[in-house]
Amino acid sequence: VPSSEPSESPSSEPSSEPSSEPSSEPSATPSCTPSSMPTESPSKPPGVNLYYPDWTSGAFGCRNDGDEPEYMELDPTSWLSSTVDSCCQKFFGGFNYDICMGRYPPDHDDCNVMLFYPDWEGANEGCTNDGFEPYYMLQFAQYFLSNSREECCEKFYHWDYYGCSGTIPPVSGDYYPDWSIVSSYTCLNDMKMPNYMIKNQQWYLSKTLKECCEKHFAYDVNTCLGTQNAGTGKWYADFDAGRCAQDCNGASPCGGVAQSWDELFSTKKACCTAKYWYDSKCITK
C-alpha cells in the first residue's frame, strides 16, 4: 500500500513493478534498433541524368531528374536523350515542341539543357553538346556524358585540356626559347610565347635565363646567355681551315672557341698526329 504522502528522499532500492505510464522525456541514450524500416530503393547517386519524356497527366515536357521509369532506363537508346532539344523533337513534335522546350527550364546547376560528349567521330578536337552522340554513349551515359565542357575535357582530352576547353592557363615561367628565327640562340621573357608553349609550360618555360638556355640551347649556352667563353687554350682540328687551331678567341693560332663536340688536345703536335697525320705541314700552319 503506498503511503499517503511522498517521502522527502527517494528510496535506495527501485520499485519491483514499473509504472504503467511512460516517462514524458526521451531517454538520453538512443535504442540500438531503428524505429522504422529503411526505404526499399536507395536514392540515385548524383551524376549525369539523361532526358526522358514526361507523360504524366497533362505534361508535355522532358525531364532529367533521374526518375525515368525502369523500362526507359533499361532501353536508353530508345527513350533517353542527352539534350532537352533532342528529347522534345523525338517525343513532342509539332506544336507540342515549343511547349516542351519551355516547360522545364533548368533552374539549378545540376539541370543542364545539354550534356557534353567526346567528339571522336567528328573533328576529334574536343567535346561537343549537339545531341548527336553515338548510341553506345547513351547506353553508358554515366561514363561518356558530362555536365560541363571542362569535365568532359578533363576526362577525355586531358593531354590537351586547354585546347579542348578553350581556356588559357596562367603563365608560370618567364623565359622561353625564341625559335622564330632559325639561327636564333636566344631565350626571351617578353610574354609573347606561342600558345603551344603556354599549354606545356613545364617543358618550354623557365624561371631564369640560365635555366632556359641550358634546357633548349645546351649546344651553345654562352651565345644564349650573351657571355664570351675564353676557351681552354687547348688544340682542336679546325676542318674548315684544314689545320689545328687553339681553343681561344683572337689572332692565329686561335681559331675561336671550340664546340662541345670538338676533341681537345693538350699540344698542337698531338692534334696534328691524331687528325692530320697525312699532312707534314700541319705543325707549321
Protein backbone atom coordinates (compact mmCIF):
# COMPACT_ATOMS: atom_id res chain seq x y z
CA VAL A 1 0.00 0.00 0.00
CA PRO A 2 1.54 3.32 -0.98
CA SER A 3 1.95 5.97 1.64
CA SER A 4 -0.42 8.90 1.51
CA GLU A 5 2.43 11.36 1.36
CA PRO A 6 5.59 11.03 -0.75
CA SER A 7 8.85 10.73 1.14
CA GLU A 8 11.25 13.63 1.08
CA SER A 9 14.09 11.36 -0.11
CA PRO A 10 13.78 8.57 -2.72
CA SER A 11 14.28 5.02 -1.58
CA SER A 12 17.63 3.36 -2.23
CA GLU A 13 16.02 0.39 -3.96
CA PRO A 14 13.92 0.61 -7.16
CA SER A 15 10.30 -0.48 -7.03
CA SER A 16 9.59 -4.07 -8.02
CA GLU A 17 6.93 -3.02 -10.56
CA PRO A 18 7.42 -0.43 -13.31
CA SER A 19 4.97 2.40 -13.64
CA SER A 20 2.10 1.91 -16.10
CA GLU A 21 2.73 5.27 -17.82
CA PRO A 22 5.88 6.00 -19.86
CA SER A 23 8.02 8.95 -18.95
CA SER A 24 7.35 12.18 -20.85
CA GLU A 25 11.02 12.73 -21.80
CA PRO A 26 13.03 10.60 -24.25
CA SER A 27 15.90 8.53 -22.97
CA ALA A 28 19.36 10.10 -23.02
CA THR A 29 20.78 7.12 -24.97
CA PRO A 30 19.10 6.04 -28.24
CA SER A 31 17.98 2.46 -28.72
CA CYS A 32 20.06 0.08 -30.82
CA THR A 33 17.12 -0.86 -33.04
CA PRO A 34 15.81 1.66 -35.57
CA SER A 35 12.23 2.78 -35.15
CA SER A 36 11.27 2.15 -38.79
CA MET A 37 12.34 0.09 -41.79
CA PRO A 38 14.74 1.65 -44.34
CA THR A 39 13.44 2.55 -47.79
CA GLU A 40 13.39 -0.31 -50.28
CA SER A 41 15.13 1.67 -53.05
CA PRO A 42 18.10 3.92 -52.24
CA SER A 43 18.20 7.39 -53.74
CA LYS A 44 20.11 7.70 -57.00
CA PRO A 45 23.68 8.92 -56.72
CA PRO A 46 24.48 12.34 -58.17
CA GLY A 47 25.88 12.27 -61.68
CA VAL A 48 24.73 12.54 -65.28
CA ASN A 49 20.97 12.29 -65.79
CA LEU A 50 19.57 11.93 -69.30
CA TYR A 51 16.35 13.49 -70.52
CA TYR A 52 13.22 11.37 -70.75
CA PRO A 53 9.67 12.19 -71.91
CA ASP A 54 7.35 13.04 -69.04
CA TRP A 55 3.91 11.68 -69.87
CA THR A 56 2.27 12.27 -66.54
CA SER A 57 -1.19 13.80 -66.65
CA GLY A 58 -1.18 17.00 -68.72
CA ALA A 59 2.60 17.03 -69.19
CA PHE A 60 4.33 17.89 -72.46
CA GLY A 61 7.93 18.00 -71.47
CA CYS A 62 11.27 16.28 -70.90
CA ARG A 63 12.98 15.98 -67.56
CA ASN A 64 16.41 14.91 -66.32
CA ASP A 65 15.72 14.38 -62.64
CA GLY A 66 16.77 10.72 -62.72
CA ASP A 67 13.21 9.48 -62.11
CA GLU A 68 12.59 7.94 -65.53
CA PRO A 69 10.57 4.69 -65.50
CA GLU A 70 12.52 1.45 -65.33
CA TYR A 71 11.59 0.40 -68.88
CA MET A 72 13.20 3.62 -70.18
CA GLU A 73 16.29 3.08 -68.06
CA LEU A 74 16.67 -0.44 -69.48
CA ASP A 75 16.44 0.81 -73.09
CA PRO A 76 18.24 4.18 -73.06
CA THR A 77 18.86 4.42 -76.80
CA SER A 78 15.11 4.37 -77.45
CA TRP A 79 13.89 6.60 -74.64
CA LEU A 80 16.69 8.79 -73.27
CA SER A 81 18.43 11.82 -74.78
CA SER A 82 21.45 13.91 -73.87
CA THR A 83 19.74 17.25 -74.61
CA VAL A 84 16.29 18.62 -73.87
CA ASP A 85 16.02 19.67 -77.52
CA SER A 86 16.58 16.16 -78.91
CA CYS A 87 14.12 14.72 -76.38
CA CYS A 88 11.45 17.27 -77.29
CA GLN A 89 11.95 16.75 -81.02
CA LYS A 90 11.71 12.98 -80.63
CA PHE A 91 8.63 12.74 -78.40
CA PHE A 92 6.81 16.08 -78.64
CA GLY A 93 6.86 17.11 -82.29
CA GLY A 94 4.70 19.71 -83.96
CA PHE A 95 3.01 22.35 -81.83
CA ASN A 96 3.93 20.47 -78.65
CA TYR A 97 7.64 21.08 -79.31
CA ASP A 98 7.53 24.72 -78.15
CA ILE A 99 5.58 23.72 -75.05
CA CYS A 100 8.11 21.00 -74.32
CA MET A 101 11.09 23.32 -74.68
CA GLY A 102 9.70 25.82 -72.19
CA ARG A 103 8.09 23.50 -69.72
CA TYR A 104 11.01 22.58 -67.51
CA PRO A 105 13.73 25.22 -67.89
CA PRO A 106 16.87 24.46 -65.88
CA ASP A 107 16.69 26.20 -62.52
CA HIS A 108 19.92 24.99 -60.93
CA ASP A 109 23.42 23.89 -61.89
CA ASP A 110 22.64 20.16 -61.97
CA CYS A 111 19.87 20.53 -64.55
CA ASN A 112 21.76 21.09 -67.80
CA VAL A 113 19.95 21.69 -71.08
CA MET A 114 22.70 19.83 -72.98
CA LEU A 115 25.33 17.29 -71.96
CA PHE A 116 28.83 17.08 -73.43
CA TYR A 117 30.49 14.10 -75.06
CA PRO A 118 33.91 13.46 -76.71
CA ASP A 119 33.70 14.18 -80.44
CA TRP A 120 35.71 11.14 -81.54
CA GLU A 121 33.70 10.62 -84.72
CA GLY A 122 33.93 14.26 -85.79
CA ALA A 123 36.92 16.60 -85.72
CA ASN A 124 38.17 14.86 -82.54
CA GLU A 125 39.47 18.14 -81.17
CA GLY A 126 37.32 18.39 -78.07
CA CYS A 127 33.89 17.93 -76.53
CA THR A 128 30.59 18.98 -78.04
CA ASN A 129 26.96 19.15 -76.91
CA ASP A 130 24.99 18.98 -80.15
CA GLY A 131 22.97 15.93 -79.09
CA PHE A 132 24.38 13.69 -81.84
CA GLU A 133 26.43 11.40 -79.61
CA PRO A 134 26.62 7.72 -80.72
CA TYR A 135 24.10 5.31 -79.21
CA TYR A 136 26.75 3.47 -77.22
CA MET A 137 27.48 6.70 -75.33
CA LEU A 138 23.81 6.94 -74.36
CA GLN A 139 23.89 3.36 -73.14
CA PHE A 140 26.82 4.21 -70.87
CA ALA A 141 25.92 7.82 -70.17
CA GLN A 142 27.47 7.95 -66.70
CA TYR A 143 30.89 7.40 -68.30
CA PHE A 144 30.70 9.15 -71.67
CA LEU A 145 28.48 12.17 -70.96
CA SER A 146 29.43 15.13 -68.78
CA ASN A 147 27.58 18.07 -67.28
CA SER A 148 30.18 20.61 -68.47
CA ARG A 149 32.74 21.01 -71.24
CA GLU A 150 35.53 21.27 -68.67
CA GLU A 151 34.52 17.98 -67.05
CA CYS A 152 34.42 16.23 -70.44
CA CYS A 153 37.81 17.69 -71.49
CA GLU A 154 39.42 16.63 -68.21
CA LYS A 155 38.23 13.04 -68.72
CA PHE A 156 38.81 12.51 -72.46
CA TYR A 157 41.28 15.20 -73.64
CA HIS A 158 43.45 15.69 -70.56
CA TRP A 159 46.62 15.92 -72.70
CA ASP A 160 45.14 18.99 -74.46
CA TYR A 161 42.78 20.23 -71.77
CA TYR A 162 43.24 23.93 -72.54
CA GLY A 163 42.77 23.46 -76.27
CA CYS A 164 39.64 21.37 -75.66
CA SER A 165 38.11 23.71 -73.10
CA GLY A 166 39.13 26.90 -74.91
CA THR A 167 40.85 28.27 -71.83
CA ILE A 168 44.40 29.55 -71.29
CA PRO A 169 46.33 28.68 -68.14
CA PRO A 170 48.18 31.34 -66.17
CA VAL A 171 51.80 31.66 -67.24
CA SER A 172 54.11 30.07 -64.67
CA GLY A 173 57.50 30.92 -66.21
CA ASP A 174 59.16 33.96 -67.69
CA TYR A 175 61.70 32.77 -70.25
CA TYR A 176 61.02 30.77 -73.39
CA PRO A 177 63.18 29.66 -76.36
CA ASP A 178 62.93 32.00 -79.33
CA TRP A 179 62.70 29.77 -82.39
CA SER A 180 61.08 32.41 -84.59
CA ILE A 181 64.45 32.79 -86.36
CA VAL A 182 66.21 29.58 -87.42
CA SER A 183 69.67 30.77 -86.37
CA SER A 184 68.46 32.25 -83.09
CA TYR A 185 70.04 31.01 -79.85
CA THR A 186 68.08 33.23 -77.52
CA CYS A 187 65.61 32.99 -74.65
CA LEU A 188 63.14 35.84 -74.26
CA ASN A 189 60.87 36.98 -71.46
CA ASP A 190 58.57 39.36 -73.35
CA MET A 191 55.47 37.22 -72.61
CA LYS A 192 54.93 36.67 -76.35
CA MET A 193 55.45 32.92 -76.30
CA PRO A 194 53.31 30.81 -78.68
CA ASN A 195 50.16 29.14 -77.34
CA TYR A 196 51.64 25.65 -77.63
CA MET A 197 54.33 26.69 -75.13
CA ILE A 198 51.71 28.07 -72.75
CA LYS A 199 49.85 24.76 -72.88
CA ASN A 200 53.02 22.86 -71.99
CA GLN A 201 54.71 25.25 -69.57
CA GLN A 202 56.60 22.58 -67.67
CA TRP A 203 58.82 21.93 -70.69
CA TYR A 204 59.01 25.24 -72.54
CA LEU A 205 59.00 27.92 -69.83
CA SER A 206 61.75 28.62 -67.30
CA LYS A 207 62.12 30.89 -64.31
CA THR A 208 65.63 32.08 -65.22
CA LEU A 209 67.58 32.80 -68.40
CA LYS A 210 70.27 30.30 -67.44
CA GLU A 211 67.72 27.52 -66.94
CA CYS A 212 66.14 28.24 -70.34
CA CYS A 213 69.50 28.34 -72.15
CA GLU A 214 70.72 25.11 -70.59
CA LYS A 215 67.48 23.30 -71.39
CA HIS A 216 66.96 24.45 -75.00
CA PHE A 217 70.39 25.63 -76.23
CA ALA A 218 72.78 23.30 -74.44
CA TYR A 219 74.98 23.18 -77.56
CA ASP A 220 75.65 26.93 -77.35
CA VAL A 221 74.82 28.12 -73.85
CA ASN A 222 77.29 31.02 -73.97
CA THR A 223 75.69 32.58 -77.04
CA CYS A 224 72.26 32.21 -75.44
CA LEU A 225 73.49 33.80 -72.20
CA GLY A 226 75.31 36.54 -74.11
CA THR A 227 78.61 35.69 -72.42
CA GLN A 228 82.05 35.22 -74.02
CA ASN A 229 83.86 31.96 -73.45
CA ALA A 230 87.63 32.47 -73.33
CA GLY A 231 88.33 28.87 -74.28
CA THR A 232 90.62 26.29 -72.69
CA GLY A 233 93.85 27.10 -74.57
CA LYS A 234 94.00 23.52 -75.85
CA TRP A 235 94.07 22.44 -79.51
CA TYR A 236 91.42 21.04 -81.84
CA ALA A 237 91.04 20.20 -85.53
CA ASP A 238 89.56 23.12 -87.49
CA PHE A 239 88.45 21.18 -90.56
CA ASP A 240 87.20 24.30 -92.34
CA ALA A 241 90.70 25.82 -92.20
CA GLY A 242 92.49 22.48 -92.62
CA ARG A 243 94.68 22.97 -89.56
CA CYS A 244 94.93 22.50 -85.81
CA ALA A 245 93.73 25.62 -84.04
CA GLN A 246 93.94 26.74 -80.45
CA ASP A 247 90.77 26.90 -78.35
CA CYS A 248 90.70 30.67 -77.79
CA ASN A 249 89.49 33.96 -79.24
CA GLY A 250 91.84 36.28 -81.06
CA ALA A 251 94.50 36.13 -83.76
CA SER A 252 96.10 32.92 -85.04
CA PRO A 253 96.82 30.36 -83.76
CA CYS A 254 93.44 30.90 -82.05
CA GLY A 255 90.59 29.50 -84.08
CA GLY A 256 87.74 30.61 -81.87
CA VAL A 257 86.17 28.74 -79.00
CA ALA A 258 85.85 25.03 -79.71
CA GLN A 259 82.42 23.45 -79.99
CA SER A 260 81.28 20.95 -77.40
CA TRP A 261 81.78 18.09 -79.85
CA ASP A 262 85.37 19.03 -80.77
CA GLU A 263 88.08 16.74 -79.42
CA LEU A 264 90.71 18.71 -77.49
CA PHE A 265 94.45 18.03 -77.31
CA SER A 266 97.00 19.40 -74.89
CA THR A 267 99.52 20.29 -77.67
CA LYS A 268 99.40 21.18 -81.34
CA LYS A 269 101.64 18.25 -82.16
CA ALA A 270 99.22 15.83 -80.54
CA CYS A 271 96.37 17.32 -82.55
CA CYS A 272 98.31 17.07 -85.83
CA THR A 273 99.34 13.48 -85.13
CA ALA A 274 95.74 12.43 -84.40
CA LYS A 275 93.87 14.44 -87.03
CA TYR A 276 96.32 15.43 -89.79
CA TRP A 277 98.85 12.60 -89.81
CA TYR A 278 98.83 12.76 -93.63
CA ASP A 279 99.82 16.48 -93.71
CA SER A 280 103.51 17.03 -92.96
CA LYS A 281 102.96 20.82 -92.87
CA CYS A 282 100.22 20.68 -90.16
CA ILE A 283 102.59 21.66 -87.37
CA THR A 284 103.60 24.88 -89.18
CA LYS A 285 100.15 26.02 -90.26
